[in-house]
PDB file of N, CA and C in Angstrom:
ATOM      1  N   UNK A   1     110.658   0.164 -14.160  1.00  0.00           N
ATOM      2  CA  UNK A   1     110.348  -0.426 -14.903  1.00  0.00           C
ATOM      3  C   UNK A   1     109.695   0.100 -16.383  1.00  0.00           C
ATOM      4  N   UNK A   2     109.452   1.217 -16.102  1.00  0.00           N
ATOM      5  CA  UNK A   2     108.898   1.841 -17.082  1.00  0.00           C
ATOM      6  C   UNK A   2     110.033   2.291 -18.120  1.00  0.00           C
ATOM      7  N   UNK A   3     111.614   1.942 -16.965  1.00  0.00           N
ATOM      8  CA  UNK A   3     112.774   2.547 -18.365  1.00  0.00           C
ATOM      9  C   UNK A   3     112.608   1.502 -19.245  1.00  0.00           C
ATOM     10  N   UNK A   4     112.554   0.490 -18.672  1.00  0.00           N
ATOM     11  CA  UNK A   4     112.787  -0.936 -18.795  1.00  0.00           C
ATOM     12  C   UNK A   4     111.687  -1.088 -20.459  1.00  0.00           C
ATOM     13  N   UNK A   5     109.737  -0.571 -20.380  1.00  0.00           N
ATOM     14  CA  UNK A   5     109.019  -0.626 -21.045  1.00  0.00           C
ATOM     15  C   UNK A   5     109.700   0.539 -22.604  1.00  0.00           C
ATOM     16  N   UNK A   6     109.764   1.339 -21.866  1.00  0.00           N
ATOM     17  CA  UNK A   6     110.434   2.300 -22.974  1.00  0.00           C
ATOM     18  C   UNK A   6     111.379   1.729 -23.798  1.00  0.00           C
ATOM     19  N   UNK A   7     112.856   1.644 -22.648  1.00  0.00           N
ATOM     20  CA  UNK A   7     114.330   0.689 -23.646  1.00  0.00           C
ATOM     21  C   UNK A   7     113.133  -0.408 -25.045  1.00  0.00           C
ATOM     22  N   UNK A   8     112.406  -0.650 -25.000  1.00  0.00           N
ATOM     23  CA  UNK A   8     112.426  -2.105 -25.348  1.00  0.00           C
ATOM     24  C   UNK A   8     111.130  -1.490 -26.371  1.00  0.00           C
ATOM     25  N   UNK A   9     110.193  -0.433 -26.007  1.00  0.00           N
ATOM     26  CA  UNK A   9     109.475   0.090 -26.509  1.00  0.00           C
ATOM     27  C   UNK A   9     109.969   0.982 -28.236  1.00  0.00           C
ATOM     28  N   UNK A  10     110.897   1.642 -28.324  1.00  0.00           N
ATOM     29  CA  UNK A  10     112.301   2.588 -28.659  1.00  0.00           C
ATOM     30  C   UNK A  10     113.229   1.379 -29.433  1.00  0.00           C
ATOM     31  N   UNK A  11     113.261   0.105 -29.044  1.00  0.00           N
ATOM     32  CA  UNK A  11     113.999  -0.765 -30.109  1.00  0.00           C
ATOM     33  C   UNK A  11     113.148  -1.250 -31.298  1.00  0.00           C
ATOM     34  N   UNK A  12     111.819  -1.832 -30.591  1.00  0.00           N
ATOM     35  CA  UNK A  12     111.106  -2.347 -31.444  1.00  0.00           C
ATOM     36  C   UNK A  12     110.506  -1.309 -32.563  1.00  0.00           C
ATOM     37  N   UNK A  13     110.365   0.342 -32.701  1.00  0.00           N
ATOM     38  CA  UNK A  13     110.413   1.086 -32.265  1.00  0.00           C
ATOM     39  C   UNK A  13     110.941   1.242 -33.953  1.00  0.00           C
ATOM     40  N   UNK A  14     111.955   1.526 -34.003  1.00  0.00           N
ATOM     41  CA  UNK A  14     113.608   2.210 -34.580  1.00  0.00           C
ATOM     42  C   UNK A  14     113.260   0.838 -35.769  1.00  0.00           C
ATOM     43  N   UNK A  15     113.470  -0.318 -34.854  1.00  0.00           N
ATOM     44  CA  UNK A  15     113.640  -2.456 -35.463  1.00  0.00           C
ATOM     45  C   UNK A  15     112.393  -1.331 -36.753  1.00  0.00           C
ATOM     46  N   UNK A  16     110.957  -1.433 -36.916  1.00  0.00           N
ATOM     47  CA  UNK A  16     110.162  -1.306 -37.755  1.00  0.00           C
ATOM     48  C   UNK A  16     110.127  -0.191 -38.669  1.00  0.00           C
ATOM     49  N   UNK A  17     110.681   0.989 -38.225  1.00  0.00           N
ATOM     50  CA  UNK A  17     110.839   1.973 -39.412  1.00  0.00           C
ATOM     51  C   UNK A  17     111.862   1.711 -39.848  1.00  0.00           C
ATOM     52  N   UNK A  18     112.526   1.711 -39.722  1.00  0.00           N
ATOM     53  CA  UNK A  18     114.137   1.662 -40.311  1.00  0.00           C
ATOM     54  C   UNK A  18     113.216   0.360 -41.796  1.00  0.00           C
ATOM     55  N   UNK A  19     112.795  -0.052 -41.183  1.00  0.00           N
ATOM     56  CA  UNK A  19     112.311  -1.916 -42.203  1.00  0.00           C
ATOM     57  C   UNK A  19     111.031  -0.950 -42.997  1.00  0.00           C
ATOM     58  N   UNK A  20     110.361   0.039 -42.283  1.00  0.00           N
ATOM     59  CA  UNK A  20     109.459   0.970 -43.675  1.00  0.00           C
ATOM     60  C   UNK A  20     110.066   1.684 -44.263  1.00  0.00           C
ATOM     61  N   UNK A  21     111.331   2.404 -43.865  1.00  0.00           N
ATOM     62  CA  UNK A  21     112.126   2.756 -45.019  1.00  0.00           C
ATOM     63  C   UNK A  21     112.661   2.062 -45.761  1.00  0.00           C
ATOM     64  N   UNK A  22     112.866   1.692 -45.556  1.00  0.00           N
ATOM     65  CA  UNK A  22     113.987   0.806 -47.114  1.00  0.00           C
ATOM     66  C   UNK A  22     113.397   0.293 -48.225  1.00  0.00           C
ATOM     67  N   UNK A  23     111.593  -0.041 -47.201  1.00  0.00           N
ATOM     68  CA  UNK A  23     111.031  -1.011 -47.971  1.00  0.00           C
ATOM     69  C   UNK A  23     109.904   0.416 -49.412  1.00  0.00           C
ATOM     70  N   UNK A  24     109.494   1.406 -48.121  1.00  0.00           N
ATOM     71  CA  UNK A  24     109.397   2.721 -48.929  1.00  0.00           C
ATOM     72  C   UNK A  24     110.507   3.147 -50.083  1.00  0.00           C
ATOM     73  N   UNK A  25     110.955   3.119 -49.618  1.00  0.00           N
ATOM     74  CA  UNK A  25     112.696   3.108 -50.730  1.00  0.00           C
ATOM     75  C   UNK A  25     112.820   2.774 -52.030  1.00  0.00           C
ATOM     76  N   UNK A  26     112.724   1.265 -51.555  1.00  0.00           N
ATOM     77  CA  UNK A  26     113.162   0.576 -52.754  1.00  0.00           C
ATOM     78  C   UNK A  26     111.722   0.564 -53.697  1.00  0.00           C
ATOM     79  N   UNK A  27     110.639   0.207 -52.966  1.00  0.00           N
ATOM     80  CA  UNK A  27     109.342   0.772 -54.175  1.00  0.00           C
ATOM     81  C   UNK A  27     109.712   2.284 -54.666  1.00  0.00           C
ATOM     82  N   UNK A  28     109.927   3.209 -54.258  1.00  0.00           N
ATOM     83  CA  UNK A  28     110.346   4.791 -55.449  1.00  0.00           C
ATOM     84  C   UNK A  28     111.521   3.978 -55.701  1.00  0.00           C
ATOM     85  N   UNK A  29     112.260   3.594 -55.603  1.00  0.00           N
ATOM     86  CA  UNK A  29     113.362   3.363 -57.115  1.00  0.00           C
ATOM     87  C   UNK A  29     112.306   2.114 -58.125  1.00  0.00           C
ATOM     88  N   UNK A  30     111.758   1.641 -58.013  1.00  0.00           N
ATOM     89  CA  UNK A  30     111.151   0.707 -58.473  1.00  0.00           C
ATOM     90  C   UNK A  30     110.340   1.533 -59.798  1.00  0.00           C
ATOM     91  N   UNK A  31     109.790   2.398 -59.295  1.00  0.00           N
ATOM     92  CA  UNK A  31     108.267   2.438 -59.542  1.00  0.00           C
ATOM     93  C   UNK A  31     108.640   3.498 -61.127  1.00  0.00           C
ATOM     94  N   UNK A  32     109.909   4.521 -61.190  1.00  0.00           N
ATOM     95  CA  UNK A  32     110.178   4.728 -62.696  1.00  0.00           C
ATOM     96  C   UNK A  32     111.884   5.465 -62.327  1.00  0.00           C
ATOM     97  N   UNK A  33     112.347   5.446 -63.994  1.00  0.00           N
ATOM     98  CA  UNK A  33     114.153   5.334 -63.329  1.00  0.00           C
ATOM     99  C   UNK A  33     115.084   7.060 -62.987  1.00  0.00           C
ATOM    100  N   UNK A  34     114.987   7.450 -61.523  1.00  0.00           N
ATOM    101  CA  UNK A  34     115.125   8.550 -61.263  1.00  0.00           C
ATOM    102  C   UNK A  34     117.038   8.430 -61.291  1.00  0.00           C
ATOM    103  N   UNK A  35     117.535   9.725 -61.095  1.00  0.00           N
ATOM    104  CA  UNK A  35     119.116  10.018 -60.993  1.00  0.00           C
ATOM    105  C   UNK A  35     119.095   9.742 -59.936  1.00  0.00           C
ATOM    106  N   UNK A  36     120.332   9.012 -58.892  1.00  0.00           N
ATOM    107  CA  UNK A  36     120.711   9.278 -57.926  1.00  0.00           C
ATOM    108  C   UNK A  36     120.372   9.875 -57.225  1.00  0.00           C
ATOM    109  N   UNK A  37     120.531  11.212 -57.293  1.00  0.00           N
ATOM    110  CA  UNK A  37     120.091  12.685 -56.701  1.00  0.00           C
ATOM    111  C   UNK A  37     118.341  12.256 -56.334  1.00  0.00           C
ATOM    112  N   UNK A  38     118.128  11.886 -57.014  1.00  0.00           N
ATOM    113  CA  UNK A  38     115.971  12.129 -56.761  1.00  0.00           C
ATOM    114  C   UNK A  38     115.803  10.721 -55.982  1.00  0.00           C
ATOM    115  N   UNK A  39     116.278  10.460 -55.173  1.00  0.00           N
ATOM    116  CA  UNK A  39     116.284   8.683 -54.982  1.00  0.00           C
ATOM    117  C   UNK A  39     116.329   9.220 -53.516  1.00  0.00           C
ATOM    118  N   UNK A  40     115.470   9.562 -52.229  1.00  0.00           N
ATOM    119  CA  UNK A  40     115.643   9.378 -51.189  1.00  0.00           C
ATOM    120  C   UNK A  40     116.559   8.858 -50.494  1.00  0.00           C
ATOM    121  N   UNK A  41     117.512   9.044 -49.713  1.00  0.00           N
ATOM    122  CA  UNK A  41     118.685   8.635 -49.232  1.00  0.00           C
ATOM    123  C   UNK A  41     118.391   8.449 -47.361  1.00  0.00           C
ATOM    124  N   UNK A  42     118.086   7.583 -46.549  1.00  0.00           N
ATOM    125  CA  UNK A  42     118.075   7.605 -45.142  1.00  0.00           C
ATOM    126  C   UNK A  42     119.001   8.373 -45.063  1.00  0.00           C
ATOM    127  N   UNK A  43     120.539   7.822 -44.917  1.00  0.00           N
ATOM    128  CA  UNK A  43     121.803   8.882 -44.112  1.00  0.00           C
ATOM    129  C   UNK A  43     122.550   9.496 -45.491  1.00  0.00           C
ATOM    130  N   UNK A  44     122.214  10.883 -44.606  1.00  0.00           N
ATOM    131  CA  UNK A  44     123.302  11.969 -45.339  1.00  0.00           C
ATOM    132  C   UNK A  44     124.247  11.513 -45.157  1.00  0.00           C
ATOM    133  N   UNK A  45     124.729  12.116 -46.776  1.00  0.00           N
ATOM    134  CA  UNK A  45     126.140  12.020 -46.894  1.00  0.00           C
ATOM    135  C   UNK A  45     126.637  13.322 -46.166  1.00  0.00           C
ATOM    136  N   UNK A  46     126.137  14.381 -46.721  1.00  0.00           N
ATOM    137  CA  UNK A  46     126.705  15.802 -45.483  1.00  0.00           C
ATOM    138  C   UNK A  46     126.399  16.115 -44.013  1.00  0.00           C
ATOM    139  N   UNK A  47     127.544  16.369 -43.319  1.00  0.00           N
ATOM    140  CA  UNK A  47     126.785  16.181 -42.334  1.00  0.00           C
ATOM    141  C   UNK A  47     126.546  17.692 -42.016  1.00  0.00           C
ATOM    142  N   UNK A  48     126.796  18.346 -42.701  1.00  0.00           N
ATOM    143  CA  UNK A  48     126.552  19.392 -42.787  1.00  0.00           C
ATOM    144  C   UNK A  48     124.667  19.435 -42.715  1.00  0.00           C
ATOM    145  N   UNK A  49     124.509  18.837 -43.620  1.00  0.00           N
ATOM    146  CA  UNK A  49     122.804  18.764 -43.516  1.00  0.00           C
ATOM    147  C   UNK A  49     122.007  18.024 -41.687  1.00  0.00           C
ATOM    148  N   UNK A  50     122.645  17.265 -41.218  1.00  0.00           N
ATOM    149  CA  UNK A  50     122.161  16.133 -40.483  1.00  0.00           C
ATOM    150  C   UNK A  50     123.339  16.497 -39.150  1.00  0.00           C
ATOM    151  N   UNK A  51     123.387  17.347 -38.937  1.00  0.00           N
ATOM    152  CA  UNK A  51     123.876  17.927 -38.002  1.00  0.00           C
ATOM    153  C   UNK A  51     123.476  19.202 -37.412  1.00  0.00           C
ATOM    154  N   UNK A  52     122.631  20.032 -38.847  1.00  0.00           N
ATOM    155  CA  UNK A  52     121.941  21.320 -38.236  1.00  0.00           C
ATOM    156  C   UNK A  52     120.884  20.735 -37.475  1.00  0.00           C
ATOM    157  N   UNK A  53     120.139  19.704 -37.398  1.00  0.00           N
ATOM    158  CA  UNK A  53     119.152  19.437 -36.810  1.00  0.00           C
ATOM    159  C   UNK A  53     119.491  19.086 -34.620  1.00  0.00           C
ATOM    160  N   UNK A  54     120.831  18.948 -35.101  1.00  0.00           N
ATOM    161  CA  UNK A  54     121.798  18.282 -33.562  1.00  0.00           C
ATOM    162  C   UNK A  54     122.355  20.006 -32.953  1.00  0.00           C
ATOM    163  N   UNK A  55     121.363  20.801 -33.539  1.00  0.00           N
ATOM    164  CA  UNK A  55     121.713  22.997 -32.911  1.00  0.00           C
ATOM    165  C   UNK A  55     121.781  22.839 -31.531  1.00  0.00           C
ATOM    166  N   UNK A  56     122.525  23.743 -30.905  1.00  0.00           N
ATOM    167  CA  UNK A  56     121.656  24.234 -29.900  1.00  0.00           C
ATOM    168  C   UNK A  56     120.683  24.407 -29.958  1.00  0.00           C
ATOM    169  N   UNK A  57     119.677  24.234 -28.991  1.00  0.00           N
ATOM    170  CA  UNK A  57     118.405  24.295 -28.242  1.00  0.00           C
ATOM    171  C   UNK A  57     117.111  23.905 -29.282  1.00  0.00           C
ATOM    172  N   UNK A  58     117.620  23.450 -30.236  1.00  0.00           N
ATOM    173  CA  UNK A  58     117.034  22.170 -31.106  1.00  0.00           C
ATOM    174  C   UNK A  58     116.454  21.287 -30.621  1.00  0.00           C
ATOM    175  N   UNK A  59     115.044  20.216 -30.527  1.00  0.00           N
ATOM    176  CA  UNK A  59     114.504  19.613 -29.710  1.00  0.00           C
ATOM    177  C   UNK A  59     116.017  17.805 -29.707  1.00  0.00           C
ATOM    178  N   UNK A  60     115.948  17.338 -31.482  1.00  0.00           N
ATOM    179  CA  UNK A  60     117.403  17.387 -30.742  1.00  0.00           C
ATOM    180  C   UNK A  60     118.324  16.663 -30.021  1.00  0.00           C
ATOM    181  N   UNK A  61     118.657  18.378 -29.834  1.00  0.00           N
ATOM    182  CA  UNK A  61     119.969  18.751 -28.946  1.00  0.00           C
ATOM    183  C   UNK A  61     119.544  18.727 -27.560  1.00  0.00           C
ATOM    184  N   UNK A  62     118.461  18.875 -27.128  1.00  0.00           N
ATOM    185  CA  UNK A  62     117.367  18.942 -25.890  1.00  0.00           C
ATOM    186  C   UNK A  62     117.233  17.248 -25.619  1.00  0.00           C
ATOM    187  N   UNK A  63     116.940  16.623 -26.612  1.00  0.00           N
ATOM    188  CA  UNK A  63     116.684  14.778 -26.458  1.00  0.00           C
ATOM    189  C   UNK A  63     118.159  14.809 -26.072  1.00  0.00           C
ATOM    190  N   UNK A  64     118.946  14.314 -26.675  1.00  0.00           N
ATOM    191  CA  UNK A  64     120.309  14.223 -26.334  1.00  0.00           C
ATOM    192  C   UNK A  64     121.249  15.021 -25.010  1.00  0.00           C
ATOM    193  N   UNK A  65     120.577  15.417 -24.448  1.00  0.00           N
ATOM    194  CA  UNK A  65     120.917  16.483 -23.247  1.00  0.00           C
ATOM    195  C   UNK A  65     119.859  15.027 -22.712  1.00  0.00           C
ATOM    196  N   UNK A  66     119.251  14.911 -22.430  1.00  0.00           N
ATOM    197  CA  UNK A  66     118.225  14.611 -21.666  1.00  0.00           C
ATOM    198  C   UNK A  66     118.679  13.015 -21.504  1.00  0.00           C
ATOM    199  N   UNK A  67     119.075  11.886 -22.623  1.00  0.00           N
ATOM    200  CA  UNK A  67     119.766  11.141 -22.704  1.00  0.00           C
ATOM    201  C   UNK A  67     121.159  10.939 -21.429  1.00  0.00           C
ATOM    202  N   UNK A  68     121.778  11.875 -21.916  1.00  0.00           N
ATOM    203  CA  UNK A  68     122.818  12.317 -20.881  1.00  0.00           C
ATOM    204  C   UNK A  68     122.997  12.044 -19.766  1.00  0.00           C
ATOM    205  N   UNK A  69     122.253  12.912 -19.453  1.00  0.00           N
ATOM    206  CA  UNK A  69     121.519  13.278 -18.140  1.00  0.00           C
ATOM    207  C   UNK A  69     120.691  12.091 -16.646  1.00  0.00           C
ATOM    208  N   UNK A  70     120.662  11.232 -17.806  1.00  0.00           N
ATOM    209  CA  UNK A  70     119.751  10.288 -16.572  1.00  0.00           C
ATOM    210  C   UNK A  70     120.948   9.699 -16.216  1.00  0.00           C
ATOM    211  N   UNK A  71     120.337   9.146 -15.247  1.00  0.00           N
ATOM    212  CA  UNK A  71     121.443   7.653 -14.198  1.00  0.00           C
ATOM    213  C   UNK A  71     119.958   6.775 -14.161  1.00  0.00           C
ATOM    214  N   UNK A  72     121.235   5.875 -14.030  1.00  0.00           N
ATOM    215  CA  UNK A  72     120.809   4.520 -13.357  1.00  0.00           C
ATOM    216  C   UNK A  72     120.255   4.230 -11.679  1.00  0.00           C
TER     217      UNK A  72
END
């Protein structure tokens, strides 16, 4: 039962988190003209930038290992 509640919580949280990020970035774009490099991007194009947070021993790596090790 706890797994079901946890999954639903994560689904709703990340749904609204994404909407929040889109709203903030669109507001930032409207405030003043900037170059594309200055506007924060939700997704990073360079794999080295975002893969660094998944290095062995880091929090995201441990979280992925935890989910991968779960059994039904």
